[in-house]
Amino acid sequence: MDIEQYRAYCLQKPGVTEGFPFDDKVLVFKVMGKMFALVDVDAFESVNLKCDPELAVELRERYDGAVLPGYHMNKKHWNTVLMDGTVGDKLVYEWIDHSYDLVVAGLPKKLREELQNM
């Protein structure tokens, strides 16, 4: 997967926007204003994805060295996934889905309903 495939996959989800809220290198994807994915656009060496805390620990153990605690993020709720080919594209897409779904589940009911109507 390259950065354009990653970007396209994130953007095809309902309610998703992208932007550079921190600097001109870190592209952030949000659903209804809440972050679910981040990537360095210059390097595309890794991506940050939100994750259920128990699953986050399991993935870090299972993919030791390829899935790490979220860089510059809450280590309990975010993973950094190295994009060096160790983890296949299919899994990365599944983890993007998981991150998106986790954030959507935490949205207020009104925003979830609005999202369903998009």
N, C-alpha and C. Protein backbone atom coordinates (compact mmCIF):
# COMPACT_ATOMS: atom_id res chain seq x y z
N MET A 1 0.85 -1.17 0.00
CA MET A 1 0.00 0.00 0.00
C MET A 1 0.90 1.24 0.00
N ASP A 2 0.48 2.23 -0.76
CA ASP A 2 1.20 3.50 -0.72
C ASP A 2 0.30 4.55 -0.06
N ILE A 3 0.82 5.73 0.10
CA ILE A 3 0.08 6.76 0.82
C ILE A 3 -1.22 7.14 0.12
N GLU A 4 -1.24 7.10 -1.20
CA GLU A 4 -2.47 7.45 -1.92
C GLU A 4 -3.55 6.41 -1.72
N GLN A 5 -3.18 5.13 -1.67
CA GLN A 5 -4.15 4.07 -1.38
C GLN A 5 -4.69 4.21 0.04
N TYR A 6 -3.79 4.49 0.97
CA TYR A 6 -4.17 4.69 2.37
C TYR A 6 -5.14 5.87 2.48
N ARG A 7 -4.78 6.97 1.85
CA ARG A 7 -5.59 8.19 1.88
C ARG A 7 -6.97 7.93 1.26
N ALA A 8 -7.00 7.31 0.10
CA ALA A 8 -8.26 7.03 -0.58
C ALA A 8 -9.17 6.14 0.27
N TYR A 9 -8.58 5.16 0.93
CA TYR A 9 -9.37 4.25 1.75
C TYR A 9 -10.01 5.01 2.92
N CYS A 10 -9.24 5.87 3.57
CA CYS A 10 -9.76 6.65 4.69
C CYS A 10 -10.86 7.59 4.21
N LEU A 11 -10.64 8.27 3.09
CA LEU A 11 -11.58 9.28 2.62
C LEU A 11 -12.88 8.71 2.06
N GLN A 12 -12.92 7.44 1.71
CA GLN A 12 -14.15 6.87 1.17
C GLN A 12 -15.18 6.57 2.25
N LYS A 13 -14.78 6.69 3.49
CA LYS A 13 -15.70 6.42 4.59
C LYS A 13 -16.61 7.63 4.83
N PRO A 14 -17.86 7.40 5.21
CA PRO A 14 -18.78 8.51 5.44
C PRO A 14 -18.30 9.47 6.54
N GLY A 15 -18.48 10.76 6.29
CA GLY A 15 -18.19 11.77 7.30
C GLY A 15 -16.73 12.09 7.52
N VAL A 16 -15.84 11.58 6.66
CA VAL A 16 -14.41 11.76 6.87
C VAL A 16 -13.91 13.03 6.18
N THR A 17 -13.08 13.74 6.92
CA THR A 17 -12.36 14.90 6.39
C THR A 17 -10.88 14.70 6.67
N GLU A 18 -10.06 15.44 5.95
CA GLU A 18 -8.62 15.38 6.17
C GLU A 18 -8.09 16.79 6.36
N GLY A 19 -6.97 16.89 7.06
CA GLY A 19 -6.37 18.20 7.27
C GLY A 19 -5.02 18.09 7.95
N PHE A 20 -4.41 19.24 8.13
CA PHE A 20 -3.09 19.34 8.76
C PHE A 20 -3.20 20.23 10.00
N PRO A 21 -3.82 19.75 11.07
CA PRO A 21 -4.01 20.60 12.24
C PRO A 21 -2.74 20.86 13.07
N PHE A 22 -1.73 20.03 12.91
CA PHE A 22 -0.53 20.14 13.74
C PHE A 22 0.61 20.84 13.01
N ASP A 23 0.86 20.44 11.78
CA ASP A 23 1.94 21.01 10.98
C ASP A 23 1.68 20.63 9.53
N ASP A 24 2.63 20.87 8.65
CA ASP A 24 2.40 20.57 7.24
C ASP A 24 2.87 19.18 6.83
N LYS A 25 3.17 18.33 7.81
CA LYS A 25 3.66 16.98 7.51
C LYS A 25 2.71 15.88 7.97
N VAL A 26 1.97 16.13 9.04
CA VAL A 26 1.10 15.10 9.61
C VAL A 26 -0.33 15.30 9.11
N LEU A 27 -0.75 14.39 8.23
CA LEU A 27 -2.11 14.42 7.69
C LEU A 27 -3.01 13.66 8.66
N VAL A 28 -4.09 14.32 9.07
CA VAL A 28 -5.01 13.75 10.05
C VAL A 28 -6.36 13.50 9.38
N PHE A 29 -6.90 12.32 9.61
CA PHE A 29 -8.23 11.96 9.12
C PHE A 29 -9.18 11.96 10.31
N LYS A 30 -10.32 12.65 10.13
CA LYS A 30 -11.31 12.74 11.20
C LYS A 30 -12.66 12.29 10.67
N VAL A 31 -13.44 11.69 11.57
CA VAL A 31 -14.84 11.40 11.26
C VAL A 31 -15.67 12.28 12.20
N MET A 32 -16.49 13.11 11.59
CA MET A 32 -17.33 14.04 12.35
C MET A 32 -16.51 14.84 13.36
N GLY A 33 -15.30 15.23 12.95
CA GLY A 33 -14.45 16.08 13.77
C GLY A 33 -13.56 15.36 14.77
N LYS A 34 -13.61 14.03 14.82
CA LYS A 34 -12.80 13.26 15.76
C LYS A 34 -11.76 12.44 15.00
N MET A 35 -10.51 12.51 15.46
CA MET A 35 -9.40 11.82 14.80
C MET A 35 -9.54 10.30 14.88
N PHE A 36 -9.23 9.65 13.75
CA PHE A 36 -9.15 8.19 13.77
C PHE A 36 -7.89 7.67 13.08
N ALA A 37 -7.18 8.52 12.34
CA ALA A 37 -5.96 8.07 11.65
C ALA A 37 -5.06 9.26 11.37
N LEU A 38 -3.74 9.02 11.48
CA LEU A 38 -2.74 10.04 11.19
C LEU A 38 -1.62 9.41 10.39
N VAL A 39 -0.97 10.23 9.55
CA VAL A 39 0.15 9.73 8.76
C VAL A 39 1.09 10.89 8.43
N ASP A 40 2.38 10.59 8.40
CA ASP A 40 3.39 11.55 7.95
C ASP A 40 3.41 11.48 6.43
N VAL A 41 3.03 12.59 5.78
CA VAL A 41 2.92 12.56 4.31
C VAL A 41 4.27 12.54 3.60
N ASP A 42 5.32 12.96 4.27
CA ASP A 42 6.64 12.97 3.64
C ASP A 42 7.27 11.58 3.57
N ALA A 43 7.09 10.81 4.66
CA ALA A 43 7.81 9.54 4.75
C ALA A 43 6.93 8.31 4.51
N PHE A 44 5.70 8.33 4.97
CA PHE A 44 4.80 7.16 4.96
C PHE A 44 5.51 5.91 5.49
N GLU A 45 6.22 6.10 6.59
CA GLU A 45 6.90 4.98 7.24
C GLU A 45 6.01 4.29 8.26
N SER A 46 5.02 5.03 8.77
CA SER A 46 4.11 4.48 9.76
C SER A 46 2.80 5.26 9.74
N VAL A 47 1.77 4.64 10.35
CA VAL A 47 0.48 5.30 10.52
C VAL A 47 0.04 5.12 11.97
N ASN A 48 -0.71 6.07 12.47
CA ASN A 48 -1.28 5.96 13.81
C ASN A 48 -2.77 5.69 13.67
N LEU A 49 -3.24 4.68 14.40
CA LEU A 49 -4.65 4.31 14.36
C LEU A 49 -5.16 4.09 15.77
N LYS A 50 -6.38 4.56 16.01
CA LYS A 50 -7.01 4.34 17.30
C LYS A 50 -7.33 2.86 17.43
N CYS A 51 -7.30 2.35 18.66
CA CYS A 51 -7.51 0.92 18.86
C CYS A 51 -8.10 0.67 20.25
N ASP A 52 -8.96 -0.32 20.34
CA ASP A 52 -9.46 -0.76 21.63
C ASP A 52 -8.26 -1.12 22.51
N PRO A 53 -8.21 -0.64 23.76
CA PRO A 53 -7.02 -0.87 24.60
C PRO A 53 -6.57 -2.32 24.73
N GLU A 54 -7.50 -3.25 24.90
CA GLU A 54 -7.11 -4.66 25.04
C GLU A 54 -6.56 -5.20 23.72
N LEU A 55 -7.21 -4.85 22.63
CA LEU A 55 -6.74 -5.28 21.32
C LEU A 55 -5.39 -4.65 21.00
N ALA A 56 -5.20 -3.40 21.41
CA ALA A 56 -3.93 -2.71 21.15
C ALA A 56 -2.76 -3.50 21.74
N VAL A 57 -2.90 -3.95 22.96
CA VAL A 57 -1.84 -4.73 23.61
C VAL A 57 -1.63 -6.05 22.88
N GLU A 58 -2.73 -6.70 22.51
CA GLU A 58 -2.64 -7.98 21.79
C GLU A 58 -1.90 -7.81 20.46
N LEU A 59 -2.23 -6.76 19.72
CA LEU A 59 -1.59 -6.53 18.42
C LEU A 59 -0.10 -6.21 18.58
N ARG A 60 0.23 -5.47 19.62
CA ARG A 60 1.65 -5.15 19.86
C ARG A 60 2.44 -6.40 20.17
N GLU A 61 1.82 -7.34 20.88
CA GLU A 61 2.50 -8.60 21.20
C GLU A 61 2.60 -9.49 19.96
N ARG A 62 1.51 -9.60 19.22
CA ARG A 62 1.47 -10.46 18.05
C ARG A 62 2.37 -9.96 16.93
N TYR A 63 2.42 -8.64 16.74
CA TYR A 63 3.21 -8.05 15.66
C TYR A 63 4.35 -7.22 16.26
N ASP A 64 5.09 -7.85 17.15
CA ASP A 64 6.19 -7.20 17.86
C ASP A 64 7.16 -6.54 16.88
N GLY A 65 7.38 -5.26 17.09
CA GLY A 65 8.29 -4.52 16.23
C GLY A 65 7.60 -3.85 15.05
N ALA A 66 6.40 -4.30 14.70
CA ALA A 66 5.66 -3.71 13.58
C ALA A 66 4.46 -2.88 14.07
N VAL A 67 3.96 -3.23 15.25
CA VAL A 67 2.88 -2.47 15.88
C VAL A 67 3.40 -2.01 17.24
N LEU A 68 3.40 -0.71 17.42
CA LEU A 68 3.99 -0.09 18.60
C LEU A 68 2.97 0.81 19.29
N PRO A 69 3.21 1.16 20.57
CA PRO A 69 2.34 2.15 21.20
C PRO A 69 2.34 3.44 20.37
N GLY A 70 1.21 4.09 20.30
CA GLY A 70 1.05 5.28 19.47
C GLY A 70 2.07 6.36 19.72
N TYR A 71 2.81 6.70 18.69
CA TYR A 71 3.83 7.74 18.76
C TYR A 71 3.17 9.10 18.94
N HIS A 72 3.53 9.81 20.00
CA HIS A 72 2.97 11.12 20.34
C HIS A 72 1.47 11.07 20.59
N MET A 73 0.96 9.90 20.94
CA MET A 73 -0.48 9.74 21.18
C MET A 73 -0.67 9.05 22.53
N ASN A 74 -1.92 8.95 22.98
CA ASN A 74 -2.24 8.20 24.18
C ASN A 74 -1.91 6.74 23.91
N LYS A 75 -0.92 6.22 24.60
CA LYS A 75 -0.39 4.88 24.34
C LYS A 75 -1.42 3.77 24.62
N LYS A 76 -2.41 4.08 25.43
CA LYS A 76 -3.44 3.09 25.75
C LYS A 76 -4.41 2.92 24.59
N HIS A 77 -4.68 3.99 23.86
CA HIS A 77 -5.74 3.98 22.85
C HIS A 77 -5.25 4.07 21.40
N TRP A 78 -3.96 4.22 21.19
CA TRP A 78 -3.44 4.40 19.83
C TRP A 78 -2.27 3.46 19.57
N ASN A 79 -2.21 2.94 18.35
CA ASN A 79 -1.08 2.15 17.89
C ASN A 79 -0.41 2.85 16.73
N THR A 80 0.89 2.69 16.64
CA THR A 80 1.65 3.09 15.46
C THR A 80 1.97 1.81 14.71
N VAL A 81 1.59 1.77 13.44
CA VAL A 81 1.81 0.60 12.60
C VAL A 81 2.88 0.96 11.58
N LEU A 82 3.98 0.22 11.60
CA LEU A 82 5.04 0.47 10.63
C LEU A 82 4.60 -0.03 9.26
N MET A 83 4.83 0.79 8.26
CA MET A 83 4.39 0.47 6.89
C MET A 83 5.56 -0.08 6.08
N ASP A 84 6.27 -1.03 6.67
CA ASP A 84 7.45 -1.61 6.02
C ASP A 84 7.16 -2.94 5.33
N GLY A 85 5.88 -3.32 5.27
CA GLY A 85 5.51 -4.57 4.62
C GLY A 85 5.37 -5.74 5.58
N THR A 86 5.77 -5.57 6.83
CA THR A 86 5.64 -6.64 7.82
C THR A 86 4.18 -7.03 8.02
N VAL A 87 3.33 -6.01 8.09
CA VAL A 87 1.89 -6.22 8.23
C VAL A 87 1.27 -6.04 6.85
N GLY A 88 0.49 -7.00 6.41
CA GLY A 88 -0.13 -6.93 5.09
C GLY A 88 -1.18 -5.84 4.97
N ASP A 89 -1.43 -5.44 3.74
CA ASP A 89 -2.41 -4.39 3.47
C ASP A 89 -3.79 -4.73 4.01
N LYS A 90 -4.19 -5.99 3.88
CA LYS A 90 -5.52 -6.40 4.34
C LYS A 90 -5.70 -6.09 5.83
N LEU A 91 -4.68 -6.40 6.63
CA LEU A 91 -4.76 -6.11 8.06
C LEU A 91 -4.80 -4.61 8.32
N VAL A 92 -3.99 -3.85 7.60
CA VAL A 92 -3.99 -2.40 7.80
C VAL A 92 -5.38 -1.85 7.48
N TYR A 93 -6.00 -2.31 6.41
CA TYR A 93 -7.36 -1.87 6.08
C TYR A 93 -8.34 -2.25 7.19
N GLU A 94 -8.21 -3.45 7.74
CA GLU A 94 -9.07 -3.87 8.85
C GLU A 94 -8.87 -2.98 10.07
N TRP A 95 -7.63 -2.60 10.33
CA TRP A 95 -7.35 -1.75 11.49
C TRP A 95 -7.82 -0.32 11.27
N ILE A 96 -7.81 0.15 10.02
CA ILE A 96 -8.40 1.46 9.72
C ILE A 96 -9.90 1.38 10.01
N ASP A 97 -10.55 0.31 9.56
CA ASP A 97 -11.98 0.12 9.82
C ASP A 97 -12.27 0.11 11.32
N HIS A 98 -11.45 -0.63 12.05
CA HIS A 98 -11.62 -0.72 13.51
C HIS A 98 -11.49 0.67 14.14
N SER A 99 -10.49 1.43 13.74
CA SER A 99 -10.28 2.76 14.28
C SER A 99 -11.48 3.66 13.99
N TYR A 100 -11.91 3.65 12.75
CA TYR A 100 -13.07 4.45 12.34
C TYR A 100 -14.30 4.05 13.15
N ASP A 101 -14.58 2.75 13.22
CA ASP A 101 -15.76 2.26 13.94
C ASP A 101 -15.71 2.61 15.42
N LEU A 102 -14.53 2.54 16.00
CA LEU A 102 -14.36 2.86 17.41
C LEU A 102 -14.70 4.33 17.67
N VAL A 103 -14.22 5.20 16.81
CA VAL A 103 -14.49 6.64 16.96
C VAL A 103 -15.98 6.92 16.73
N VAL A 104 -16.57 6.30 15.71
CA VAL A 104 -17.99 6.50 15.44
C VAL A 104 -18.83 6.05 16.64
N ALA A 105 -18.48 4.92 17.24
CA ALA A 105 -19.22 4.41 18.40
C ALA A 105 -19.18 5.38 19.57
N GLY A 106 -18.11 6.17 19.66
CA GLY A 106 -17.97 7.12 20.76
C GLY A 106 -18.59 8.48 20.49
N LEU A 107 -19.14 8.68 19.29
CA LEU A 107 -19.76 9.95 18.96
C LEU A 107 -21.10 10.09 19.67
N PRO A 108 -21.52 11.33 19.93
CA PRO A 108 -22.86 11.53 20.48
C PRO A 108 -23.91 10.99 19.51
N LYS A 109 -25.03 10.58 20.05
CA LYS A 109 -26.10 9.96 19.25
C LYS A 109 -26.49 10.84 18.07
N LYS A 110 -26.60 12.13 18.28
CA LYS A 110 -27.00 13.04 17.21
C LYS A 110 -26.02 12.98 16.03
N LEU A 111 -24.73 12.95 16.32
CA LEU A 111 -23.72 12.88 15.25
C LEU A 111 -23.74 11.52 14.56
N ARG A 112 -23.96 10.45 15.32
CA ARG A 112 -24.06 9.12 14.72
C ARG A 112 -25.25 9.05 13.77
N GLU A 113 -26.37 9.63 14.16
CA GLU A 113 -27.55 9.66 13.30
C GLU A 113 -27.28 10.48 12.05
N GLU A 114 -26.61 11.60 12.22
CA GLU A 114 -26.27 12.45 11.07
C GLU A 114 -25.37 11.68 10.11
N LEU A 115 -24.42 10.94 10.65
CA LEU A 115 -23.50 10.15 9.85
C LEU A 115 -24.25 9.07 9.06
N GLN A 116 -25.22 8.44 9.68
CA GLN A 116 -26.00 7.40 9.00
C GLN A 116 -26.78 7.94 7.82
N ASN A 117 -27.10 9.22 7.86
CA ASN A 117 -27.88 9.84 6.78
C ASN A 117 -27.01 10.41 5.68
N MET A 118 -25.71 10.21 5.74
CA MET A 118 -24.80 10.73 4.71
C MET A 118 -24.74 9.77 3.54
